[in-house]
Amino acid sequence: MGNYLCHAALVALIAIASAQGKWIMTEASAQTATQAQGRELPVFEVDKSWPKMPPQYKVGDVSSINSDSEGNIYVLHRPRTLKDPDFGQAAPSVLVFDPNGNFVRAWGGDGTGYEWPQREHGIYIDPKGFVWIGGNNCPTNGLPRLKPVADDQVLKFTKDGKFVMQIGHSNQSKGNADTQNLHRASDEQYYPPPNEMFLSDGYGNHRVIVFDADTGAFKRMWGAFGNKPEDDDHCEIIRKTDFTPPGPPQFSVVHSLRISNDGMVYVADRENRRIQSFTVAGAFVKQLIKPDTLFARSVALSPDPEQKYLYVGDGNSIAIVDRKSLELIGQIKPPGAMGGGHLISTDPKGNIYVAASSVDLTGPMKPVGAIDGYVTATNGGMQKLTYKGTTTRADR
């Protein structure tokens, strides 16, 4: 009872702080450019030669890119988005490149013993070398070549594509209270100390959910501000127009998440244009709202020991955020960059990879550049931004 009363008191304090609009929120539009003066900020340039695609393969909608601990890059794309005759040359869903951008191997797709997602969405390689893949298909989207089922599962493979484990089952979600299935999950992240896998779940559900990384056993879940997540399942994306702080008490599309070495969870609540931070136990800490641009597309961490920077997909650029304070301190937009894209990630050397999916919505396919301020994608909608060090100059 004593623990319960302490928890209730903490919740009450958080509610009061939220109402007063103090320490638990930061609105980017209220920040000034002077906050970045004198700070060292990372510099990047576009690598026009990356990747070196094998000529026998065609790549569809690129949804996610991730690096393993050795700097090998895994690209997840959607072969079934290719039109004829290109579909006949579709590469397997996962393409692997070495740190220099040379093609290594490709694998993925339907197989025995697991349910491959209809609409590939997120890929993540954990420190043990296992590859995690999820999807966000909606049964009623009517997209060609896709079965009318929901992607309610996440898959675990070895680096060479050998199946290891599946959490959840296709088209079996019972909503946000379901601890056995996902519902159109978007992103994955491993946290080593307790051997836990965190997922942003996602398009159909509106929560962060945690499983044991070896057994798939459910551990815990939470929604925006640490609230109990509520059901609000629909295929179409609900575009928001009111971004008054602190924002809705529930997540909209929980599109991406990353966990820092010191145990902070950063969640991209895309349609609400906000980043929220939590402890790994699910306690809400603070948030950053940026209503003037297409903010919170995705999140990535700089690989320096302190992980100083949180990179946030932000329409036609990538926002640089001070990780600990959640202050907006700059943006990344070198010549030739294609913007914040769909999902972004970093490798051990600090390079940024952008997966610029032509469609991050459900519904009819549209060309890259036609949706949400994306610019025209090259190299099949994937791009490498090479880390060039830091500068205190205003132009990066």
Protein backbone atom coordinates (compact mmCIF):
# COMPACT_ATOMS: atom_id res chain seq x y z
CA MET A 1 0.00 0.00 0.00
CA GLY A 2 2.88 2.33 0.81
CA ASN A 3 4.40 1.76 -2.63
CA TYR A 4 1.04 2.37 -4.25
CA LEU A 5 0.59 5.69 -2.42
CA CYS A 6 4.08 6.80 -3.42
CA HIS A 7 3.33 5.95 -7.03
CA ALA A 8 0.01 7.81 -6.87
CA ALA A 9 1.72 10.86 -5.43
CA LEU A 10 4.30 10.81 -8.22
CA VAL A 11 1.57 10.57 -10.86
CA ALA A 12 -0.20 13.52 -9.26
CA LEU A 13 2.98 15.60 -9.31
CA ILE A 14 3.53 14.78 -12.98
CA ALA A 15 -0.04 15.79 -13.78
CA ILE A 16 0.44 19.12 -11.99
CA ALA A 17 3.72 19.78 -13.77
CA SER A 18 2.07 18.95 -17.09
CA ALA A 19 -0.76 21.35 -16.42
CA GLN A 20 1.66 24.12 -15.51
CA GLY A 21 3.76 23.43 -18.61
CA LYS A 22 7.10 23.43 -16.82
CA TRP A 23 9.86 20.86 -16.63
CA ILE A 24 8.18 18.01 -18.44
CA MET A 25 7.83 19.77 -21.77
CA THR A 26 9.87 21.81 -24.16
CA GLU A 27 8.34 23.38 -27.25
CA ALA A 28 10.89 23.83 -30.01
CA SER A 29 9.17 26.90 -31.42
CA ALA A 30 9.93 28.71 -28.17
CA GLN A 31 13.65 28.03 -28.46
CA THR A 32 16.03 30.53 -30.03
CA ALA A 33 18.99 30.13 -32.36
CA THR A 34 21.28 31.54 -29.66
CA GLN A 35 21.02 28.23 -27.81
CA ALA A 36 23.26 26.65 -30.45
CA GLN A 37 25.91 29.39 -30.43
CA GLY A 38 29.30 28.16 -29.32
CA ARG A 39 28.24 24.50 -29.36
CA GLU A 40 30.15 21.88 -31.28
CA LEU A 41 27.79 20.37 -33.81
CA PRO A 42 28.34 17.40 -36.14
CA VAL A 43 29.03 17.92 -39.84
CA PHE A 44 28.02 15.57 -42.66
CA GLU A 45 28.28 15.25 -46.41
CA VAL A 46 26.40 13.08 -48.87
CA ASP A 47 28.22 9.95 -50.07
CA LYS A 48 27.09 9.83 -53.69
CA SER A 49 28.78 6.48 -54.31
CA TRP A 50 26.87 4.59 -51.61
CA PRO A 51 25.72 1.87 -51.93
CA LYS A 52 27.16 -0.23 -54.74
CA MET A 53 24.05 -2.06 -55.87
CA PRO A 54 24.42 -5.37 -57.72
CA PRO A 55 23.04 -4.94 -61.26
CA GLN A 56 20.82 -8.03 -61.12
CA TYR A 57 18.59 -6.56 -58.41
CA LYS A 58 15.87 -3.93 -58.32
CA VAL A 59 14.95 -2.28 -55.02
CA GLY A 60 11.44 -1.28 -54.04
CA ASP A 61 10.26 1.07 -51.31
CA VAL A 62 13.16 1.37 -48.80
CA SER A 63 11.65 1.45 -45.32
CA SER A 64 14.56 1.05 -42.88
CA ILE A 65 18.36 0.84 -42.65
CA ASN A 66 20.45 -0.34 -39.70
CA SER A 67 24.08 -1.09 -38.87
CA ASP A 68 25.59 -3.98 -36.98
CA SER A 69 28.44 -3.50 -34.49
CA GLU A 70 31.04 -4.00 -37.25
CA GLY A 71 29.57 -1.29 -39.45
CA ASN A 72 27.89 -3.60 -41.97
CA ILE A 73 24.69 -2.02 -43.24
CA TYR A 74 21.35 -3.83 -43.53
CA VAL A 75 18.75 -2.33 -45.86
CA LEU A 76 15.10 -3.39 -45.59
CA HIS A 77 12.95 -2.72 -48.63
CA ARG A 78 9.52 -3.69 -49.93
CA PRO A 79 9.95 -5.84 -53.05
CA ARG A 80 6.21 -6.02 -53.63
CA THR A 81 6.06 -2.27 -54.28
CA LEU A 82 7.97 -2.74 -57.54
CA LYS A 83 5.89 -2.59 -60.69
CA ASP A 84 6.23 -4.91 -63.67
CA PRO A 85 8.63 -5.62 -65.30
CA ASP A 86 10.95 -4.53 -62.45
CA PHE A 87 9.18 -6.87 -60.05
CA GLY A 88 10.78 -9.79 -61.89
CA GLN A 89 14.20 -8.54 -60.71
CA ALA A 90 13.15 -7.70 -57.16
CA ALA A 91 15.91 -8.20 -54.60
CA PRO A 92 15.12 -10.17 -51.44
CA SER A 93 13.79 -7.91 -48.68
CA VAL A 94 17.12 -7.63 -46.80
CA LEU A 95 20.28 -6.40 -48.54
CA VAL A 96 23.60 -6.38 -46.68
CA PHE A 97 26.52 -4.09 -47.52
CA ASP A 98 29.98 -3.95 -45.96
CA PRO A 99 31.27 -0.70 -44.33
CA ASN A 100 32.56 0.47 -47.75
CA GLY A 101 29.18 0.02 -49.41
CA ASN A 102 30.01 -3.19 -51.26
CA PHE A 103 27.18 -5.68 -51.63
CA VAL A 104 27.60 -8.79 -49.45
CA ARG A 105 24.38 -10.82 -49.58
CA ALA A 106 20.58 -10.64 -49.69
CA TRP A 107 17.92 -12.71 -47.99
CA GLY A 108 14.40 -12.58 -46.59
CA GLY A 109 10.82 -13.19 -47.63
CA ASP A 110 8.36 -16.00 -47.07
CA GLY A 111 9.71 -19.19 -45.53
CA THR A 112 8.89 -22.19 -43.38
CA GLY A 113 8.13 -21.75 -39.68
CA TYR A 114 7.44 -18.01 -39.62
CA GLU A 115 5.11 -15.36 -41.04
CA TRP A 116 7.03 -12.80 -43.08
CA PRO A 117 5.41 -9.31 -42.85
CA GLN A 118 3.35 -8.21 -45.82
CA ARG A 119 4.61 -4.64 -45.59
CA GLU A 120 8.19 -4.51 -44.29
CA HIS A 121 8.81 -1.59 -41.95
CA GLY A 122 11.66 -1.74 -39.41
CA ILE A 123 14.98 -3.60 -39.25
CA TYR A 124 17.38 -3.65 -36.29
CA ILE A 125 20.57 -5.59 -35.57
CA ASP A 126 21.16 -6.15 -31.85
CA PRO A 127 24.64 -6.31 -30.23
CA LYS A 128 24.52 -10.11 -30.26
CA GLY A 129 24.20 -10.07 -34.03
CA PHE A 130 20.54 -11.00 -34.35
CA VAL A 131 18.37 -9.25 -36.94
CA TRP A 132 14.86 -8.12 -35.97
CA ILE A 133 12.22 -7.31 -38.59
CA GLY A 134 8.66 -6.05 -38.29
CA GLY A 135 5.90 -4.82 -40.60
CA ASN A 136 2.98 -2.39 -40.65
CA ASN A 137 0.51 -3.81 -43.15
CA CYS A 138 -3.14 -2.91 -42.66
CA PRO A 139 -5.72 -5.44 -43.94
CA THR A 140 -7.86 -2.80 -45.67
CA ASN A 141 -5.22 -0.73 -47.44
CA GLY A 142 -5.86 -2.45 -50.78
CA LEU A 143 -2.24 -2.34 -51.89
CA PRO A 144 -1.39 -4.73 -54.75
CA ARG A 145 0.40 -8.04 -54.08
CA LEU A 146 -0.29 -7.77 -50.31
CA LYS A 147 -2.50 -10.20 -48.43
CA PRO A 148 -5.34 -8.49 -46.50
CA VAL A 149 -3.87 -9.26 -43.07
CA ALA A 150 -2.33 -7.14 -40.32
CA ASP A 151 1.36 -7.47 -39.51
CA ASP A 152 1.03 -8.35 -35.82
CA GLN A 153 4.43 -10.04 -35.41
CA VAL A 154 8.16 -9.35 -35.19
CA LEU A 155 10.78 -11.82 -36.45
CA LYS A 156 14.28 -12.63 -35.22
CA PHE A 157 16.97 -14.01 -37.56
CA THR A 158 20.69 -14.61 -37.64
CA LYS A 159 22.78 -12.27 -39.80
CA ASP A 160 22.62 -14.68 -42.72
CA GLY A 161 18.85 -15.04 -42.55
CA LYS A 162 18.34 -18.19 -40.46
CA PHE A 163 15.05 -17.97 -38.56
CA VAL A 164 15.33 -17.87 -34.75
CA MET A 165 12.06 -16.68 -33.17
CA GLN A 166 8.73 -15.00 -33.81
CA ILE A 167 6.83 -12.82 -31.33
CA GLY A 168 3.13 -12.43 -32.14
CA HIS A 169 1.19 -13.79 -35.08
CA SER A 170 -0.16 -12.31 -38.28
CA ASN A 171 -3.65 -10.83 -38.02
CA GLN A 172 -4.11 -11.90 -34.38
CA SER A 173 -3.95 -8.61 -32.43
CA LYS A 174 -6.56 -8.06 -29.77
CA GLY A 175 -5.60 -4.43 -29.17
CA ASN A 176 -3.33 -2.49 -26.85
CA ALA A 177 -4.00 -4.81 -23.89
CA ASP A 178 -2.72 -7.82 -25.86
CA THR A 179 0.62 -9.00 -24.46
CA GLN A 180 1.09 -11.81 -26.99
CA ASN A 181 0.75 -9.96 -30.29
CA LEU A 182 1.86 -6.69 -31.80
CA HIS A 183 -0.20 -4.58 -34.18
CA ARG A 184 1.69 -3.02 -37.07
CA ALA A 185 4.89 -2.33 -35.14
CA SER A 186 7.38 0.16 -36.57
CA ASP A 187 10.82 -0.09 -34.91
CA GLU A 188 12.95 -2.19 -32.55
CA GLN A 189 15.78 -1.62 -30.05
CA TYR A 190 17.67 -3.96 -27.72
CA TYR A 191 18.68 -2.95 -24.19
CA PRO A 192 21.54 -5.17 -22.92
CA PRO A 193 21.50 -5.05 -19.09
CA PRO A 194 18.16 -6.91 -18.68
CA ASN A 195 18.32 -8.58 -22.15
CA GLU A 196 15.15 -6.81 -23.29
CA MET A 197 13.75 -5.96 -26.71
CA PHE A 198 11.78 -2.71 -26.95
CA LEU A 199 9.34 -2.12 -29.81
CA SER A 200 7.43 0.93 -30.97
CA ASP A 201 4.01 -0.56 -31.57
CA GLY A 202 3.13 1.44 -33.64
CA TYR A 203 0.53 2.09 -36.37
CA GLY A 204 -2.40 -0.01 -35.08
CA ASN A 205 -1.45 -0.05 -31.41
CA HIS A 206 -0.14 3.08 -29.67
CA ARG A 207 2.45 1.94 -27.17
CA VAL A 208 5.98 0.95 -26.31
CA ILE A 209 6.12 -2.76 -25.49
CA VAL A 210 9.01 -4.76 -24.00
CA PHE A 211 9.81 -8.48 -24.34
CA ASP A 212 12.56 -10.80 -23.17
CA ALA A 213 14.94 -10.93 -26.15
CA ASP A 214 15.60 -14.67 -25.83
CA THR A 215 12.20 -16.11 -24.97
CA GLY A 216 9.80 -13.46 -26.27
CA ALA A 217 8.06 -13.31 -22.90
CA PHE A 218 6.13 -10.09 -22.26
CA LYS A 219 7.69 -7.73 -19.70
CA ARG A 220 5.77 -4.40 -19.69
CA MET A 221 4.21 -1.67 -21.85
CA TRP A 222 3.24 1.99 -21.71
CA GLY A 223 1.71 4.81 -23.74
CA ALA A 224 2.32 8.56 -23.98
CA PHE A 225 3.37 10.16 -20.67
CA GLY A 226 3.53 6.63 -19.26
CA ASN A 227 -0.26 6.34 -19.50
CA LYS A 228 -2.09 3.09 -20.09
CA PRO A 229 -2.36 2.81 -23.90
CA GLU A 230 -5.85 2.90 -25.35
CA ASP A 231 -7.29 1.36 -28.53
CA ASP A 232 -7.74 3.64 -31.54
CA ASP A 233 -7.22 1.34 -34.51
CA HIS A 234 -7.73 2.59 -38.06
CA CYS A 235 -5.91 2.08 -41.30
CA GLU A 236 -5.72 5.69 -42.39
CA ILE A 237 -3.21 8.10 -40.85
CA ILE A 238 -4.89 10.87 -38.86
CA ARG A 239 -3.08 14.13 -39.61
CA LYS A 240 -3.02 16.47 -36.63
CA THR A 241 -3.36 20.25 -36.75
CA ASP A 242 -3.37 21.17 -33.04
CA PHE A 243 0.03 20.85 -31.36
CA THR A 244 -0.72 22.83 -28.20
CA PRO A 245 1.51 21.56 -25.36
CA PRO A 246 1.50 19.11 -23.74
CA GLY A 247 -0.42 17.38 -26.54
CA PRO A 248 -2.77 14.39 -26.46
CA PRO A 249 -2.57 11.93 -23.54
CA GLN A 250 -2.11 9.06 -26.01
CA PHE A 251 0.44 8.37 -28.74
CA SER A 252 -0.60 8.63 -32.36
CA VAL A 253 1.76 6.73 -34.72
CA VAL A 254 4.59 5.48 -32.50
CA HIS A 255 7.07 5.48 -35.36
CA SER A 256 10.55 4.98 -33.91
CA LEU A 257 12.48 4.53 -30.67
CA ARG A 258 16.06 4.38 -29.43
CA ILE A 259 17.62 3.66 -26.02
CA SER A 260 20.74 5.42 -24.78
CA ASN A 261 23.54 3.70 -22.90
CA ASP A 262 22.40 5.34 -19.65
CA GLY A 263 18.92 3.84 -19.97
CA MET A 264 16.76 6.59 -21.47
CA VAL A 265 14.13 5.65 -24.04
CA TYR A 266 13.42 8.20 -26.80
CA VAL A 267 10.14 7.73 -28.67
CA ALA A 268 9.05 9.45 -31.89
CA ASP A 269 5.32 10.19 -31.73
CA ARG A 270 5.15 11.15 -35.39
CA GLU A 271 1.73 12.67 -36.02
CA ASN A 272 1.88 14.60 -32.73
CA ARG A 273 5.30 15.97 -33.81
CA ARG A 274 6.92 15.24 -30.49
CA ILE A 275 9.73 13.24 -28.94
CA GLN A 276 9.07 11.84 -25.49
CA SER A 277 11.73 10.43 -23.18
CA PHE A 278 11.23 7.73 -20.56
CA THR A 279 13.22 5.58 -18.21
CA VAL A 280 13.52 1.94 -19.30
CA ALA A 281 10.87 1.18 -16.67
CA GLY A 282 8.43 3.42 -18.54
CA ALA A 283 8.44 6.52 -16.32
CA PHE A 284 7.90 9.69 -18.36
CA VAL A 285 10.68 12.30 -18.14
CA LYS A 286 10.18 15.11 -20.67
CA GLN A 287 9.23 15.88 -24.25
CA LEU A 288 10.10 18.08 -27.20
CA ILE A 289 7.33 19.36 -29.48
CA LYS A 290 8.17 20.98 -32.82
CA PRO A 291 4.88 21.88 -34.50
CA ASP A 292 6.15 24.03 -37.37
CA THR A 293 7.71 21.18 -39.39
CA LEU A 294 7.15 17.47 -40.04
CA PHE A 295 9.03 16.58 -36.88
CA ALA A 296 9.54 13.23 -35.10
CA ARG A 297 9.68 11.04 -38.17
CA SER A 298 12.32 8.90 -36.46
CA VAL A 299 15.13 9.03 -33.91
CA ALA A 300 18.79 7.95 -33.87
CA LEU A 301 21.66 8.38 -31.40
CA SER A 302 25.17 9.62 -32.05
CA PRO A 303 27.68 6.84 -31.22
CA ASP A 304 30.08 8.90 -29.07
CA PRO A 305 30.49 7.59 -25.48
CA GLU A 306 28.09 10.20 -24.04
CA GLN A 307 25.70 10.01 -26.99
CA LYS A 308 25.48 13.78 -26.97
CA TYR A 309 23.14 14.09 -29.92
CA LEU A 310 19.71 12.80 -30.72
CA TYR A 311 19.04 12.94 -34.45
CA VAL A 312 15.40 13.39 -35.38
CA GLY A 313 13.86 13.01 -38.83
CA ASP A 314 12.31 16.41 -39.56
CA GLY A 315 10.75 16.64 -43.00
CA ASN A 316 13.39 17.98 -45.40
CA SER A 317 16.17 17.95 -42.81
CA ILE A 318 17.42 16.07 -39.77
CA ALA A 319 17.15 17.95 -36.48
CA ILE A 320 20.03 17.87 -33.99
CA VAL A 321 18.78 17.68 -30.43
CA ASP A 322 20.79 17.78 -27.22
CA ARG A 323 19.99 14.32 -25.92
CA LYS A 324 19.91 15.05 -22.21
CA SER A 325 18.14 18.42 -22.24
CA LEU A 326 15.98 17.77 -25.33
CA GLU A 327 16.93 21.18 -26.68
CA LEU A 328 16.85 21.74 -30.42
CA ILE A 329 20.37 22.91 -31.31
CA GLY A 330 20.77 22.55 -35.09
CA GLN A 331 19.89 20.75 -38.28
CA ILE A 332 21.60 18.52 -40.83
CA LYS A 333 20.97 19.43 -44.44
CA PRO A 334 24.14 19.17 -46.54
CA PRO A 335 23.95 19.72 -50.32
CA GLY A 336 22.25 16.81 -52.01
CA ALA A 337 20.66 15.42 -48.86
CA MET A 338 17.18 14.03 -49.30
CA GLY A 339 15.90 15.07 -45.91
CA GLY A 340 14.74 13.27 -42.80
CA GLY A 341 13.10 10.50 -44.79
CA HIS A 342 11.14 7.66 -43.25
CA LEU A 343 13.58 6.12 -40.74
CA ILE A 344 17.18 7.08 -39.94
CA SER A 345 20.03 5.32 -38.13
CA THR A 346 23.73 5.68 -37.31
CA ASP A 347 26.72 3.35 -37.58
CA PRO A 348 29.69 3.00 -35.17
CA LYS A 349 31.63 5.73 -37.03
CA GLY A 350 28.82 8.27 -36.67
CA ASN A 351 27.56 8.17 -40.25
CA ILE A 352 23.82 8.62 -40.74
CA TYR A 353 21.71 6.44 -43.04
CA VAL A 354 18.38 7.66 -44.38
CA ALA A 355 15.66 5.34 -45.63
CA ALA A 356 13.41 7.62 -47.66
CA SER A 357 10.40 5.41 -48.23
CA SER A 358 8.25 6.84 -50.99
CA VAL A 359 5.21 6.10 -48.87
CA ASP A 360 5.09 6.01 -45.11
CA LEU A 361 1.32 6.02 -45.23
CA THR A 362 -1.14 3.31 -45.97
CA GLY A 363 -3.03 3.82 -49.18
CA PRO A 364 -2.21 4.24 -52.86
CA MET A 365 1.43 4.48 -53.85
CA LYS A 366 2.77 7.95 -54.59
CA PRO A 367 6.15 9.04 -55.93
CA VAL A 368 8.92 10.17 -53.63
CA GLY A 369 8.61 13.91 -53.19
CA ALA A 370 4.82 13.86 -53.22
CA ILE A 371 4.35 13.07 -49.56
CA ASP A 372 5.00 15.19 -46.50
CA GLY A 373 7.81 17.28 -47.90
CA TYR A 374 10.09 14.42 -48.91
CA VAL A 375 12.49 15.41 -51.64
CA THR A 376 13.32 13.22 -54.60
CA ALA A 377 15.18 10.11 -53.48
CA THR A 378 18.18 8.62 -55.26
CA ASN A 379 19.77 5.18 -55.03
CA GLY A 380 16.39 3.58 -54.51
CA GLY A 381 15.44 5.82 -51.59
CA MET A 382 18.51 5.21 -49.43
CA GLN A 383 21.34 7.57 -48.61
CA LYS A 384 24.50 7.75 -46.51
CA LEU A 385 25.56 10.97 -44.80
CA THR A 386 29.24 10.67 -43.95
CA TYR A 387 30.30 12.08 -40.59
CA LYS A 388 33.06 14.70 -41.06
CA GLY A 389 33.67 15.80 -37.48
CA THR A 390 32.30 18.80 -35.60
CA THR A 391 32.22 22.55 -36.03
CA THR A 392 30.91 25.60 -34.19
CA ARG A 393 29.91 27.30 -37.45
CA ALA A 394 26.26 28.07 -38.02
CA ASP A 395 26.20 26.35 -41.43
CA ARG A 396 26.67 22.60 -41.33
